[in-house]
Amino acid sequence: MQHGRPSSPTSTRRELRADAHLCHSGCAHAQLARVLSTGTLGVDHVATPAGHDVAHAGTIDARKPAGFPRDYGKTTWDYGGFGYPELKIEATKQGKMWEAKIQGTSSKDNPNVDGIATPEGVYDLPETEQLPGPDGKKHTLKVRYAVSAANAAQIRAAEQEHINDVSRAYEITLKAAETAVNAKASVTFTAPTKAAAIAKAKKAVAEALPKKLGANPKTWKAMLVKCAKMTNQFRDNRPNDTHTFTAEAAANDQDFDKKRITYRVKHNTRLGKPSAAIIKL
C-alpha cells in the first residue's frame, strides 16, 4: 500500500486491447491512456487435407502468453487440422445415356484450435512510470498488473469465444458442404453426354448450398479461411473490439515506499456475443 497520499490524488488508466496480428506496448506518461494487446489471435497456416474423423475443437491452458503483457490471451489454429470434404463424381454410359453419381464424403472440425489465458495473479512488467509523490517530486515506479479471479475467467471466456467462432466457421462451410454432397450421393443424374451428366450433379450440389459456397471444394476452403478470420475482425479490431479490457491504478495503488504502481484489470461488459451473430458467409 502507498505510504501517505499524493497532495492531489489521481488515478491512472490503461486500455488493454485484443488485436489480431497487431501488438501495442504502451510507453506514454501514466496520466495518459495506454494500449496493450490482450490477444494475438488466429495464427494462420496453409490449409492441407486432413483426416475425416468427427471432432470438436478447443482447449484453453491457464498460463501467460509468451508476449505478456502485450498478450493476455492467445488462440491459434492451423488450417491443415481440418478435414476437407471432396466432390467426386463418377459417370458411366448406360446405353445411349450417361449416368453420373456423386460419391459420399466427410469433413472434420479442427481439434487443435487451442487457447491460452492469463490466470489470476499479480505480474511485474519490465517498465516504469514517472509519477509525482507525496513530497511533490517525481518518482520512478515499477509497473505491475493485477489479474483477479474474475478477470482471469473473462480472459478465458474471450479465448473460448474465438474457439467457438472457428468451429462455427467450419460448420457453415466444410460441414455444410459435406452435408450437401452426401444428400445428393444417392441420386443418379442422367444426360445424353458425360459432361452434361456431371454438370447436372454439380448443379444439384450447388443448389443445395448458399451461393457463396457453390460446388467447388476450393471455394469451400477459401470460405472457411474467410469466416475464421472474422473472429479477429469482429472481436479484436476497432470499432468492434469487444475483447478490450481496461485497467486502472487508483491513488492507493501507487506505492512510493515500494516504488511500484499496480494496475487492476476491470470487468469487461462487452463479452458474450454469440458466434452465429459474428461468423457468417
Protein backbone atom coordinates (compact mmCIF):
# COMPACT_ATOMS: atom_id res chain seq x y z
CA MET A 1 0.00 0.00 0.00
CA GLN A 2 1.06 3.57 -0.52
CA HIS A 3 2.65 5.40 2.37
CA GLY A 4 0.62 8.60 2.50
CA ARG A 5 -1.42 10.00 -0.39
CA PRO A 6 -0.42 12.47 -3.10
CA SER A 7 -1.43 16.03 -2.39
CA SER A 8 -3.75 15.80 -5.43
CA PRO A 9 -4.90 12.15 -5.58
CA THR A 10 -5.19 10.87 -9.11
CA SER A 11 -5.79 7.56 -10.78
CA THR A 12 -4.23 6.28 -13.97
CA ARG A 13 -5.97 4.22 -16.58
CA ARG A 14 -4.84 1.79 -19.25
CA GLU A 15 -6.75 0.28 -22.10
CA LEU A 16 -5.98 -3.33 -22.92
CA ARG A 17 -6.91 -4.42 -26.41
CA ALA A 18 -7.06 -7.81 -28.08
CA ASP A 19 -5.75 -7.04 -31.56
CA ALA A 20 -5.23 -9.79 -34.10
CA HIS A 21 -1.76 -9.63 -35.63
CA LEU A 22 -1.09 -6.25 -34.01
CA CYS A 23 0.52 -5.78 -30.61
CA HIS A 24 0.83 -2.47 -28.83
CA SER A 25 3.19 -1.85 -25.93
CA GLY A 26 2.38 1.38 -24.15
CA CYS A 27 5.08 3.79 -23.07
CA ALA A 28 3.26 7.08 -22.52
CA HIS A 29 3.08 9.02 -19.27
CA ALA A 30 0.96 7.47 -16.55
CA GLN A 31 -1.74 10.12 -16.83
CA LEU A 32 -2.47 9.07 -20.45
CA ALA A 33 -4.40 6.09 -21.75
CA ARG A 34 -2.03 3.25 -22.59
CA VAL A 35 -2.63 0.45 -25.03
CA LEU A 36 -1.52 -3.14 -24.64
CA SER A 37 -2.71 -6.09 -26.67
CA THR A 38 -4.51 -8.83 -24.78
CA GLY A 39 -4.63 -11.38 -27.57
CA THR A 40 -2.82 -12.09 -30.78
CA LEU A 41 -5.40 -14.42 -32.24
CA GLY A 42 -5.75 -16.58 -35.31
CA VAL A 43 -2.29 -17.64 -36.41
CA ASP A 44 -2.89 -18.77 -39.96
CA HIS A 45 -1.18 -21.56 -41.87
CA VAL A 46 -1.68 -23.00 -45.31
CA ALA A 47 -4.53 -25.46 -45.49
CA THR A 48 -3.73 -29.04 -46.37
CA PRO A 49 -6.03 -32.07 -46.50
CA ALA A 50 -6.51 -33.90 -43.21
CA GLY A 51 -8.37 -36.95 -41.88
CA HIS A 52 -12.13 -37.32 -41.71
CA ASP A 53 -12.96 -38.27 -38.11
CA VAL A 54 -15.55 -36.08 -36.44
CA ALA A 55 -14.08 -33.96 -33.62
CA HIS A 56 -14.76 -30.67 -31.89
CA ALA A 57 -12.12 -28.05 -31.30
CA GLY A 58 -10.91 -26.23 -28.28
CA THR A 59 -8.76 -26.42 -25.19
CA ILE A 60 -7.55 -23.50 -23.07
CA ASP A 61 -4.48 -23.55 -20.83
CA ALA A 62 -4.19 -21.24 -17.84
CA ARG A 63 -0.80 -19.62 -18.38
CA LYS A 64 0.68 -16.34 -19.51
CA PRO A 65 1.25 -15.99 -23.25
CA ALA A 66 4.84 -15.55 -24.34
CA GLY A 67 4.04 -11.98 -25.33
CA PHE A 68 2.69 -10.93 -21.92
CA PRO A 69 1.82 -8.16 -21.22
CA ARG A 70 1.22 -7.42 -24.89
CA ASP A 71 -0.89 -10.60 -24.96
CA TYR A 72 -3.19 -11.58 -22.12
CA GLY A 73 -4.73 -14.40 -24.10
CA LYS A 74 -3.97 -16.12 -27.36
CA THR A 75 -5.76 -18.57 -29.63
CA THR A 76 -4.08 -20.33 -32.55
CA TRP A 77 -5.05 -22.80 -35.20
CA ASP A 78 -3.66 -24.48 -38.30
CA TYR A 79 -5.94 -24.85 -41.30
CA GLY A 80 -4.28 -28.17 -42.02
CA GLY A 81 -6.05 -29.56 -38.96
CA PHE A 82 -9.43 -29.52 -40.67
CA GLY A 83 -10.78 -32.42 -42.72
CA TYR A 84 -11.89 -31.15 -46.12
CA PRO A 85 -14.88 -32.62 -47.99
CA GLU A 86 -14.46 -33.60 -51.61
CA LEU A 87 -16.75 -33.59 -54.61
CA LYS A 88 -16.05 -36.71 -56.65
CA ILE A 89 -18.42 -37.70 -59.43
CA GLU A 90 -18.34 -40.95 -61.36
CA ALA A 91 -20.02 -41.13 -64.76
CA THR A 92 -20.81 -44.30 -66.73
CA LYS A 93 -22.54 -44.84 -70.04
CA GLN A 94 -25.79 -46.76 -69.91
CA GLY A 95 -26.96 -47.45 -73.43
CA LYS A 96 -27.27 -44.09 -75.18
CA MET A 97 -27.32 -42.11 -71.93
CA TRP A 98 -24.73 -41.18 -69.30
CA GLU A 99 -25.34 -41.58 -65.58
CA ALA A 100 -23.42 -39.55 -63.01
CA LYS A 101 -23.28 -40.41 -59.34
CA ILE A 102 -21.74 -38.37 -56.53
CA GLN A 103 -19.52 -40.19 -54.07
CA GLY A 104 -20.08 -39.68 -50.37
CA THR A 105 -17.60 -37.54 -48.48
CA SER A 106 -16.74 -36.41 -44.97
CA SER A 107 -15.19 -33.49 -43.11
CA LYS A 108 -13.64 -32.80 -39.73
CA ASP A 109 -13.61 -29.89 -37.35
CA ASN A 110 -10.13 -28.94 -36.21
CA PRO A 111 -9.34 -30.47 -32.78
CA ASN A 112 -6.25 -28.28 -32.44
CA VAL A 113 -7.77 -24.82 -32.05
CA ASP A 114 -6.22 -24.02 -28.71
CA GLY A 115 -6.05 -21.04 -26.43
CA ILE A 116 -4.02 -19.81 -23.51
CA ALA A 117 -5.32 -17.32 -20.96
CA THR A 118 -3.54 -15.42 -18.22
CA PRO A 119 -4.51 -16.83 -14.81
CA GLU A 120 -5.17 -14.93 -11.60
CA GLY A 121 -2.10 -13.22 -10.23
CA VAL A 122 -0.03 -10.05 -9.90
CA TYR A 123 2.53 -9.67 -12.66
CA ASP A 124 5.59 -7.42 -12.76
CA LEU A 125 6.27 -5.64 -16.05
CA PRO A 126 9.73 -4.66 -17.30
CA GLU A 127 8.78 -0.99 -17.43
CA THR A 128 8.45 2.03 -15.17
CA GLU A 129 6.44 5.22 -14.88
CA GLN A 130 7.24 8.68 -13.55
CA LEU A 131 4.69 9.95 -11.02
CA PRO A 132 4.62 12.86 -8.54
CA GLY A 133 4.84 11.56 -4.98
CA PRO A 134 3.58 12.95 -1.65
CA ASP A 135 6.71 15.06 -1.48
CA GLY A 136 5.83 16.76 -4.76
CA LYS A 137 8.81 15.21 -6.54
CA LYS A 138 8.67 12.76 -9.43
CA HIS A 139 9.34 9.14 -8.57
CA THR A 140 10.11 6.17 -10.79
CA LEU A 141 7.65 3.36 -10.10
CA LYS A 142 7.78 -0.18 -11.42
CA VAL A 143 4.59 -1.27 -13.18
CA ARG A 144 2.53 -4.30 -12.14
CA TYR A 145 -0.73 -5.77 -13.35
CA ALA A 146 -3.26 -7.40 -11.04
CA VAL A 147 -5.49 -10.01 -12.66
CA SER A 148 -8.29 -11.12 -10.34
CA ALA A 149 -10.02 -14.48 -10.48
CA ALA A 150 -12.97 -12.79 -12.19
CA ASN A 151 -10.60 -11.13 -14.72
CA ALA A 152 -8.96 -14.47 -15.45
CA ALA A 153 -12.35 -16.05 -16.05
CA GLN A 154 -13.22 -13.32 -18.53
CA ILE A 155 -9.90 -13.65 -20.38
CA ARG A 156 -10.57 -17.38 -20.61
CA ALA A 157 -14.10 -16.71 -21.84
CA ALA A 158 -12.74 -14.39 -24.53
CA GLU A 159 -10.45 -17.14 -25.83
CA GLN A 160 -13.36 -19.59 -25.76
CA GLU A 161 -15.32 -17.19 -27.95
CA HIS A 162 -12.54 -17.37 -30.56
CA ILE A 163 -12.51 -21.17 -30.38
CA ASN A 164 -16.28 -21.24 -30.81
CA ASP A 165 -16.02 -18.84 -33.75
CA VAL A 166 -13.57 -21.07 -35.61
CA SER A 167 -15.80 -24.07 -35.01
CA ARG A 168 -18.74 -22.06 -36.33
CA ALA A 169 -16.70 -21.21 -39.44
CA TYR A 170 -16.21 -24.93 -40.01
CA GLU A 171 -19.92 -25.67 -39.54
CA ILE A 172 -21.15 -23.16 -42.13
CA THR A 173 -18.52 -24.06 -44.75
CA LEU A 174 -16.94 -27.51 -44.70
CA LYS A 175 -19.66 -29.24 -42.70
CA ALA A 176 -22.37 -27.64 -44.81
CA ALA A 177 -20.60 -28.83 -47.97
CA GLU A 178 -20.27 -32.35 -46.60
CA THR A 179 -23.98 -32.45 -45.80
CA ALA A 180 -24.96 -31.19 -49.24
CA VAL A 181 -22.72 -33.65 -51.07
CA ASN A 182 -23.93 -36.64 -49.06
CA ALA A 183 -27.56 -35.62 -49.53
CA LYS A 184 -27.07 -35.99 -53.31
CA ALA A 185 -24.92 -39.12 -53.18
CA SER A 186 -27.91 -41.43 -53.65
CA VAL A 187 -29.20 -39.59 -56.71
CA THR A 188 -28.48 -40.64 -60.31
CA PHE A 189 -28.08 -37.77 -62.78
CA THR A 190 -28.80 -38.74 -66.39
CA ALA A 191 -27.91 -36.83 -69.56
CA PRO A 192 -27.02 -37.53 -73.20
CA THR A 193 -23.35 -36.74 -72.62
CA LYS A 194 -20.84 -37.39 -69.86
CA ALA A 195 -20.15 -33.69 -69.40
CA ALA A 196 -23.85 -32.90 -69.15
CA ALA A 197 -24.45 -35.62 -66.55
CA ILE A 198 -21.56 -34.39 -64.41
CA ALA A 199 -22.77 -30.82 -64.78
CA LYS A 200 -26.22 -31.83 -63.52
CA ALA A 201 -24.66 -33.46 -60.48
CA LYS A 202 -22.58 -30.36 -59.69
CA LYS A 203 -25.60 -28.13 -60.17
CA ALA A 204 -27.57 -30.20 -57.66
CA VAL A 205 -24.87 -29.74 -55.04
CA ALA A 206 -24.58 -26.03 -55.79
CA GLU A 207 -28.32 -25.57 -55.42
CA ALA A 208 -28.20 -27.29 -52.02
CA LEU A 209 -25.64 -24.78 -50.73
CA PRO A 210 -25.51 -20.99 -50.33
CA LYS A 211 -24.30 -19.24 -53.50
CA LYS A 212 -21.07 -18.15 -51.79
CA LEU A 213 -20.07 -21.81 -51.37
CA GLY A 214 -21.17 -23.25 -54.70
CA ALA A 215 -19.96 -26.70 -55.77
CA ASN A 216 -16.23 -26.06 -55.72
CA PRO A 217 -14.10 -27.61 -52.92
CA LYS A 218 -11.51 -24.83 -53.39
CA THR A 219 -14.22 -22.28 -52.64
CA TRP A 220 -15.22 -24.22 -49.52
CA LYS A 221 -11.65 -23.96 -48.24
CA ALA A 222 -11.40 -20.28 -49.10
CA MET A 223 -14.67 -19.51 -47.33
CA LEU A 224 -13.51 -21.40 -44.24
CA VAL A 225 -10.45 -19.15 -44.05
CA LYS A 226 -12.52 -16.01 -44.65
CA CYS A 227 -15.07 -16.92 -41.99
CA ALA A 228 -12.46 -17.98 -39.42
CA LYS A 229 -10.69 -14.64 -39.79
CA MET A 230 -13.92 -12.86 -38.86
CA THR A 231 -13.23 -13.79 -35.24
CA ASN A 232 -10.36 -11.29 -35.26
CA GLN A 233 -12.21 -8.69 -37.28
CA PHE A 234 -15.32 -8.61 -35.14
CA ARG A 235 -13.93 -9.26 -31.67
CA ASP A 236 -10.47 -7.66 -31.63
CA ASN A 237 -10.29 -4.86 -34.16
CA ARG A 238 -11.85 -1.44 -33.78
CA PRO A 239 -14.64 -0.46 -33.78
CA ASN A 240 -15.94 -3.91 -32.85
CA ASP A 241 -13.30 -4.70 -30.24
CA THR A 242 -15.42 -6.41 -27.58
CA HIS A 243 -12.26 -8.06 -26.26
CA THR A 244 -10.98 -4.74 -24.95
CA PHE A 245 -10.26 -4.54 -21.23
CA THR A 246 -9.31 -1.50 -19.18
CA ALA A 247 -7.02 -1.39 -16.18
CA GLU A 248 -6.87 1.37 -13.60
CA ALA A 249 -4.48 2.30 -10.85
CA ALA A 250 -6.15 4.31 -8.10
CA ALA A 251 -4.22 6.69 -5.90
CA ASN A 252 -3.76 3.99 -3.28
CA ASP A 253 -2.30 1.66 -5.92
CA GLN A 254 0.69 3.99 -6.20
CA ASP A 255 3.14 2.73 -3.60
CA PHE A 256 6.00 5.21 -3.26
CA ASP A 257 7.70 3.22 -0.49
CA LYS A 258 7.98 0.06 -2.58
CA LYS A 259 8.42 2.08 -5.77
CA ARG A 260 5.63 0.42 -7.73
CA ILE A 261 2.24 1.11 -9.28
CA THR A 262 -0.38 -1.63 -9.65
CA TYR A 263 -2.91 -1.55 -12.48
CA ARG A 264 -6.03 -3.57 -11.74
CA VAL A 265 -7.86 -5.08 -14.71
CA LYS A 266 -11.52 -4.11 -14.74
CA HIS A 267 -14.62 -6.09 -15.61
CA ASN A 268 -15.45 -6.26 -19.33
CA THR A 269 -19.16 -5.81 -20.01
CA ARG A 270 -18.92 -6.41 -23.78
CA LEU A 271 -18.17 -10.13 -23.89
CA GLY A 272 -20.75 -12.76 -24.79
CA LYS A 273 -21.82 -12.09 -28.36
CA PRO A 274 -22.66 -15.49 -29.88
CA SER A 275 -20.64 -16.87 -32.77
CA ALA A 276 -23.72 -17.10 -35.00
CA ALA A 277 -24.07 -13.31 -34.82
CA ILE A 278 -20.48 -12.77 -35.99
CA ILE A 279 -19.36 -15.63 -38.23
CA LYS A 280 -21.40 -15.51 -41.43
CA LEU A 281 -20.85 -16.28 -45.10
